[in-house]
């Protein structure tokens, strides 16, 4: 309990100092601007007290705006990274898939909820994709459990190499991977999923003296403000299924609005 109180006090102090720093910098900048305007003009110069008062008023107006638009989102991201870095080994194990070392269903779902909350709050685009390993049952029957696990590990490695820094991926099912693409439109999501598909197809996997051919089917959709987790997951799963249909029966290609 005392540790939690200490963390809360530390966070409050950090926010207070940040706000104070913004206020000082803004006040100094406002004073400099006003002095420049006053001394550059030919009109009568007001007393220094009035200049300082005007600077304080300007700083009072600008500080909340600067903090709300810039520092607050940055502080949120920092606190989130700090929270994740403080995870215990037991907690990290609970949200990690032991085969791929990516997030497991619980972990990637938690990450998706956080991404949805961010997109809902700030209005940034958020796309989500589902990747399914093709013919996974046949691969398991042909190469056994060890072979199928290496297939999953290969797909996970491609995801790690292809996705960008803010993106997240996790093993959502036996053969499915869920991919979270923050600040990404559906058009850009289609480009990313295509790179993943090509990367998996080009990956070389040798097992038992034989080369295993791997491919994945991917579908993507974009988050709609106001929808819940179940609705979003239903749409991304449908987008993946539509992609996997034969061309004559495909309804929406590789993406779904």
Protein backbone atom coordinates (compact mmCIF):
# COMPACT_ATOMS: atom_id res chain seq x y z
CA UNK A 1 0.00 0.00 0.00
CA UNK A 2 2.81 2.39 0.90
CA UNK A 3 4.51 1.58 -2.41
CA UNK A 4 1.33 2.46 -4.30
CA UNK A 5 0.99 5.73 -2.37
CA UNK A 6 4.62 6.57 -3.15
CA UNK A 7 4.02 5.97 -6.87
CA UNK A 8 0.89 8.15 -6.77
CA UNK A 9 2.75 10.95 -4.98
CA UNK A 10 5.63 10.68 -7.44
CA UNK A 11 3.26 10.90 -10.40
CA UNK A 12 1.49 13.93 -8.93
CA UNK A 13 4.81 15.66 -8.27
CA UNK A 14 5.98 14.91 -11.82
CA UNK A 15 2.81 16.39 -13.32
CA UNK A 16 3.04 19.46 -11.07
CA UNK A 17 6.66 20.08 -12.05
CA UNK A 18 5.82 19.63 -15.73
CA UNK A 19 2.97 22.12 -15.51
CA UNK A 20 5.17 24.56 -13.57
CA UNK A 21 7.91 24.23 -16.17
CA UNK A 22 5.47 24.94 -19.00
CA UNK A 23 4.17 27.98 -17.11
CA UNK A 24 7.68 29.39 -16.57
CA UNK A 25 8.73 28.88 -20.19
CA UNK A 26 5.47 30.28 -21.53
CA UNK A 27 5.68 33.33 -19.24
CA UNK A 28 9.28 34.01 -20.29
CA UNK A 29 8.39 33.66 -23.96
CA UNK A 30 5.35 35.91 -23.61
CA UNK A 31 7.41 38.55 -21.81
CA UNK A 32 10.07 38.47 -24.50
CA UNK A 33 7.45 38.84 -27.24
CA UNK A 34 5.74 41.75 -25.52
CA UNK A 35 9.03 43.52 -24.87
CA UNK A 36 9.98 43.06 -28.51
CA UNK A 37 6.67 44.50 -29.67
CA UNK A 38 6.83 47.44 -27.24
CA UNK A 39 10.43 48.47 -27.89
CA UNK A 40 10.13 47.96 -31.63
CA UNK A 41 7.27 50.44 -31.84
CA UNK A 42 7.39 54.18 -31.68
CA UNK A 43 4.40 54.63 -29.38
CA UNK A 44 4.74 55.48 -25.73
CA UNK A 45 6.08 52.58 -23.72
CA UNK A 46 3.88 51.18 -20.91
CA UNK A 47 5.30 50.57 -17.43
CA UNK A 48 7.16 47.31 -16.90
CA UNK A 49 4.49 46.22 -14.43
CA UNK A 50 1.87 46.31 -17.19
CA UNK A 51 4.13 44.31 -19.48
CA UNK A 52 4.62 41.65 -16.81
CA UNK A 53 0.88 41.59 -16.08
CA UNK A 54 0.13 41.13 -19.77
CA UNK A 55 2.67 38.33 -20.02
CA UNK A 56 1.16 36.58 -17.00
CA UNK A 57 -2.30 36.82 -18.56
CA UNK A 58 -1.04 35.42 -21.86
CA UNK A 59 0.75 32.60 -20.05
CA UNK A 60 -2.40 31.81 -18.08
CA UNK A 61 -4.31 31.40 -21.33
CA UNK A 62 -1.66 29.39 -23.19
CA UNK A 63 -0.49 26.98 -20.46
CA UNK A 64 -3.73 24.92 -20.26
CA UNK A 65 -3.85 24.74 -24.06
CA UNK A 66 -0.24 23.57 -24.38
CA UNK A 67 -0.63 21.05 -21.56
CA UNK A 68 -3.89 19.64 -22.92
CA UNK A 69 -2.73 19.33 -26.53
CA UNK A 70 0.87 18.19 -26.07
CA UNK A 71 2.03 17.26 -22.60
CA UNK A 72 -1.00 15.36 -21.37
CA UNK A 73 -0.97 12.75 -24.18
CA UNK A 74 2.81 12.43 -23.80
CA UNK A 75 2.42 11.95 -20.04
CA UNK A 76 -0.19 9.26 -20.64
CA UNK A 77 2.10 7.35 -23.00
CA UNK A 78 4.99 7.67 -20.54
CA UNK A 79 2.88 6.37 -17.64
CA UNK A 80 1.74 3.45 -19.78
CA UNK A 81 5.34 2.53 -20.68
CA UNK A 82 6.31 2.89 -17.01
CA UNK A 83 3.44 0.65 -16.01
CA UNK A 84 4.43 -2.00 -18.55
CA UNK A 85 8.10 -1.85 -17.56
CA UNK A 86 7.10 -2.48 -13.96
CA UNK A 87 5.30 -5.71 -14.72
CA UNK A 88 6.38 -8.65 -12.61
CA UNK A 89 7.64 -11.83 -14.24
CA UNK A 90 4.43 -13.59 -13.22
CA UNK A 91 2.28 -10.88 -14.81
CA UNK A 92 4.36 -10.86 -18.00
CA UNK A 93 4.10 -14.65 -18.24
CA UNK A 94 0.32 -14.45 -17.85
CA UNK A 95 -0.03 -12.30 -20.98
CA UNK A 96 2.67 -13.95 -23.13
CA UNK A 97 2.20 -16.88 -25.49
CA UNK A 98 4.87 -19.49 -24.63
CA UNK A 99 5.29 -20.66 -28.25
CA UNK A 100 5.63 -17.39 -30.17
CA UNK A 101 6.70 -15.11 -27.27
CA UNK A 102 4.14 -12.61 -28.52
CA UNK A 103 1.21 -11.48 -26.43
CA UNK A 104 -1.38 -14.20 -25.86
CA UNK A 105 -5.15 -13.73 -26.34
CA UNK A 106 -5.50 -12.00 -22.99
CA UNK A 107 -2.53 -9.72 -23.57
CA UNK A 108 -3.40 -8.64 -27.12
CA UNK A 109 -7.04 -8.08 -26.17
CA UNK A 110 -5.93 -5.80 -23.35
CA UNK A 111 -3.71 -3.88 -25.78
CA UNK A 112 -6.61 -3.56 -28.22
CA UNK A 113 -8.89 -2.13 -25.53
CA UNK A 114 -6.25 0.48 -24.70
CA UNK A 115 -5.83 1.36 -28.39
CA UNK A 116 -9.61 1.67 -28.81
CA UNK A 117 -9.80 4.01 -25.80
CA UNK A 118 -7.04 6.19 -27.26
CA UNK A 119 -8.70 6.30 -30.68
CA UNK A 120 -12.08 7.09 -29.12
CA UNK A 121 -10.62 9.90 -27.04
CA UNK A 122 -8.33 11.60 -29.54
CA UNK A 123 -10.04 10.68 -32.80
CA UNK A 124 -6.94 9.08 -34.34
CA UNK A 125 -7.48 6.31 -36.91
CA UNK A 126 -7.05 2.77 -35.65
CA UNK A 127 -6.97 -0.32 -37.85
CA UNK A 128 -7.00 -3.94 -36.75
CA UNK A 129 -6.00 -6.99 -38.77
CA UNK A 130 -6.37 -10.74 -38.37
CA UNK A 131 -3.87 -13.21 -39.84
CA UNK A 132 -4.61 -16.91 -40.11
CA UNK A 133 -2.05 -19.58 -41.01
CA UNK A 134 -3.29 -21.46 -44.08
CA UNK A 135 -3.67 -25.26 -43.93
CA UNK A 136 -2.55 -25.31 -40.31
CA UNK A 137 -4.28 -28.61 -39.60
CA UNK A 138 -2.50 -30.27 -42.52
CA UNK A 139 0.84 -28.82 -41.40
CA UNK A 140 0.29 -30.21 -37.90
CA UNK A 141 -0.64 -33.65 -39.24
CA UNK A 142 2.35 -33.72 -41.58
CA UNK A 143 5.03 -32.31 -39.28
CA UNK A 144 3.68 -32.87 -35.80
CA UNK A 145 3.47 -30.45 -32.91
CA UNK A 146 7.10 -29.35 -33.15
CA UNK A 147 6.74 -28.53 -36.82
CA UNK A 148 3.53 -26.55 -36.33
CA UNK A 149 5.11 -24.61 -33.48
CA UNK A 150 8.03 -23.65 -35.72
CA UNK A 151 5.51 -22.46 -38.30
CA UNK A 152 3.90 -20.21 -35.68
CA UNK A 153 7.32 -18.96 -34.56
CA UNK A 154 8.22 -18.11 -38.15
CA UNK A 155 5.03 -16.10 -38.61
CA UNK A 156 5.70 -14.32 -35.30
CA UNK A 157 9.23 -13.46 -36.45
CA UNK A 158 7.91 -11.97 -39.69
CA UNK A 159 5.41 -9.89 -37.74
CA UNK A 160 8.19 -8.63 -35.50
CA UNK A 161 10.30 -7.63 -38.51
CA UNK A 162 7.47 -6.09 -40.54
CA UNK A 163 5.39 -4.15 -38.04
CA UNK A 164 6.28 -0.63 -36.90
CA UNK A 165 7.23 0.49 -33.41
CA UNK A 166 3.73 1.40 -32.12
CA UNK A 167 2.07 -1.66 -33.70
CA UNK A 168 1.17 -4.69 -31.61
CA UNK A 169 0.65 -8.34 -32.52
CA UNK A 170 -0.41 -11.35 -30.50
CA UNK A 171 -1.50 -14.95 -30.89
CA UNK A 172 -5.28 -14.81 -30.71
CA UNK A 173 -6.08 -18.47 -31.40
CA UNK A 174 -4.41 -21.74 -32.35
CA UNK A 175 -3.55 -20.42 -35.82
CA UNK A 176 -4.69 -16.77 -35.69
CA UNK A 177 -2.76 -13.61 -34.94
CA UNK A 178 -4.37 -10.28 -34.06
CA UNK A 179 -2.55 -7.15 -35.25
CA UNK A 180 -3.17 -3.66 -33.84
CA UNK A 181 -2.21 -0.72 -36.06
CA UNK A 182 -2.60 2.63 -34.22
CA UNK A 183 -2.69 5.90 -36.21
CA UNK A 184 -3.31 3.85 -39.35
CA UNK A 185 -6.01 4.24 -41.98
CA UNK A 186 -7.57 1.24 -43.64
CA UNK A 187 -5.67 2.01 -46.86
CA UNK A 188 -2.33 1.97 -45.04
CA UNK A 189 -3.36 -1.14 -43.09
CA UNK A 190 -3.85 -2.96 -46.40
CA UNK A 191 -0.27 -2.11 -47.37
CA UNK A 192 1.09 -3.38 -44.06
CA UNK A 193 -0.86 -6.65 -44.21
CA UNK A 194 0.36 -7.20 -47.75
CA UNK A 195 3.97 -6.82 -46.55
CA UNK A 196 3.27 -9.36 -43.81
CA UNK A 197 1.74 -11.80 -46.31
CA UNK A 198 4.71 -11.51 -48.65
CA UNK A 199 7.17 -11.82 -45.78
CA UNK A 200 5.58 -15.04 -44.54
CA UNK A 201 5.46 -16.51 -48.06
CA UNK A 202 9.15 -15.70 -48.58
CA UNK A 203 10.23 -17.10 -45.21
CA UNK A 204 12.28 -20.28 -45.45
CA UNK A 205 11.52 -22.97 -42.88
CA UNK A 206 13.30 -26.32 -42.95
CA UNK A 207 12.01 -29.07 -40.68
CA UNK A 208 12.99 -32.72 -40.70
CA UNK A 209 15.10 -32.23 -43.79
CA UNK A 210 12.16 -30.80 -45.70
CA UNK A 211 11.16 -27.27 -46.57
CA UNK A 212 7.80 -26.18 -45.20
CA UNK A 213 5.83 -23.76 -47.32
CA UNK A 214 3.92 -21.23 -45.21
CA UNK A 215 1.24 -18.74 -46.16
CA UNK A 216 -1.26 -16.63 -44.26
CA UNK A 217 -4.59 -15.05 -45.04
CA UNK A 218 -5.10 -11.55 -43.68
CA UNK A 219 -8.03 -9.18 -43.41
CA UNK A 220 -8.21 -5.71 -41.90
CA UNK A 221 -10.86 -3.29 -40.74
CA UNK A 222 -10.92 0.17 -39.17
CA UNK A 223 -12.26 1.03 -35.74
CA UNK A 224 -15.53 2.99 -35.69
CA UNK A 225 -16.04 5.42 -32.82
CA UNK A 226 -18.65 4.13 -30.40
CA UNK A 227 -18.33 0.43 -31.21
CA UNK A 228 -17.36 -2.09 -28.56
CA UNK A 229 -14.70 -4.79 -28.54
CA UNK A 230 -17.02 -7.58 -29.69
CA UNK A 231 -18.25 -5.59 -32.67
CA UNK A 232 -14.73 -4.72 -33.78
CA UNK A 233 -13.46 -8.29 -33.43
CA UNK A 234 -16.47 -9.62 -35.32
CA UNK A 235 -15.77 -7.27 -38.22
CA UNK A 236 -12.05 -8.04 -38.41
CA UNK A 237 -12.75 -11.79 -38.32
CA UNK A 238 -15.26 -11.34 -41.15
CA UNK A 239 -12.70 -9.32 -43.13
CA UNK A 240 -10.22 -12.18 -42.78
CA UNK A 241 -12.82 -14.77 -43.85
CA UNK A 242 -13.83 -12.67 -46.85
CA UNK A 243 -10.20 -12.47 -47.95
CA UNK A 244 -9.91 -16.24 -47.78
CA UNK A 245 -12.91 -16.89 -50.02
CA UNK A 246 -12.42 -17.89 -53.67
CA UNK A 247 -12.38 -14.88 -56.00
CA UNK A 248 -15.93 -15.58 -57.23
CA UNK A 249 -17.31 -15.50 -53.69
CA UNK A 250 -15.18 -12.72 -52.22
CA UNK A 251 -17.23 -9.80 -51.01
CA UNK A 252 -14.71 -7.22 -49.80
CA UNK A 253 -11.18 -8.16 -50.81
CA UNK A 254 -8.45 -7.69 -48.25
CA UNK A 255 -10.09 -5.02 -46.18
CA UNK A 256 -13.41 -4.15 -44.69
CA UNK A 257 -14.69 -0.75 -43.69
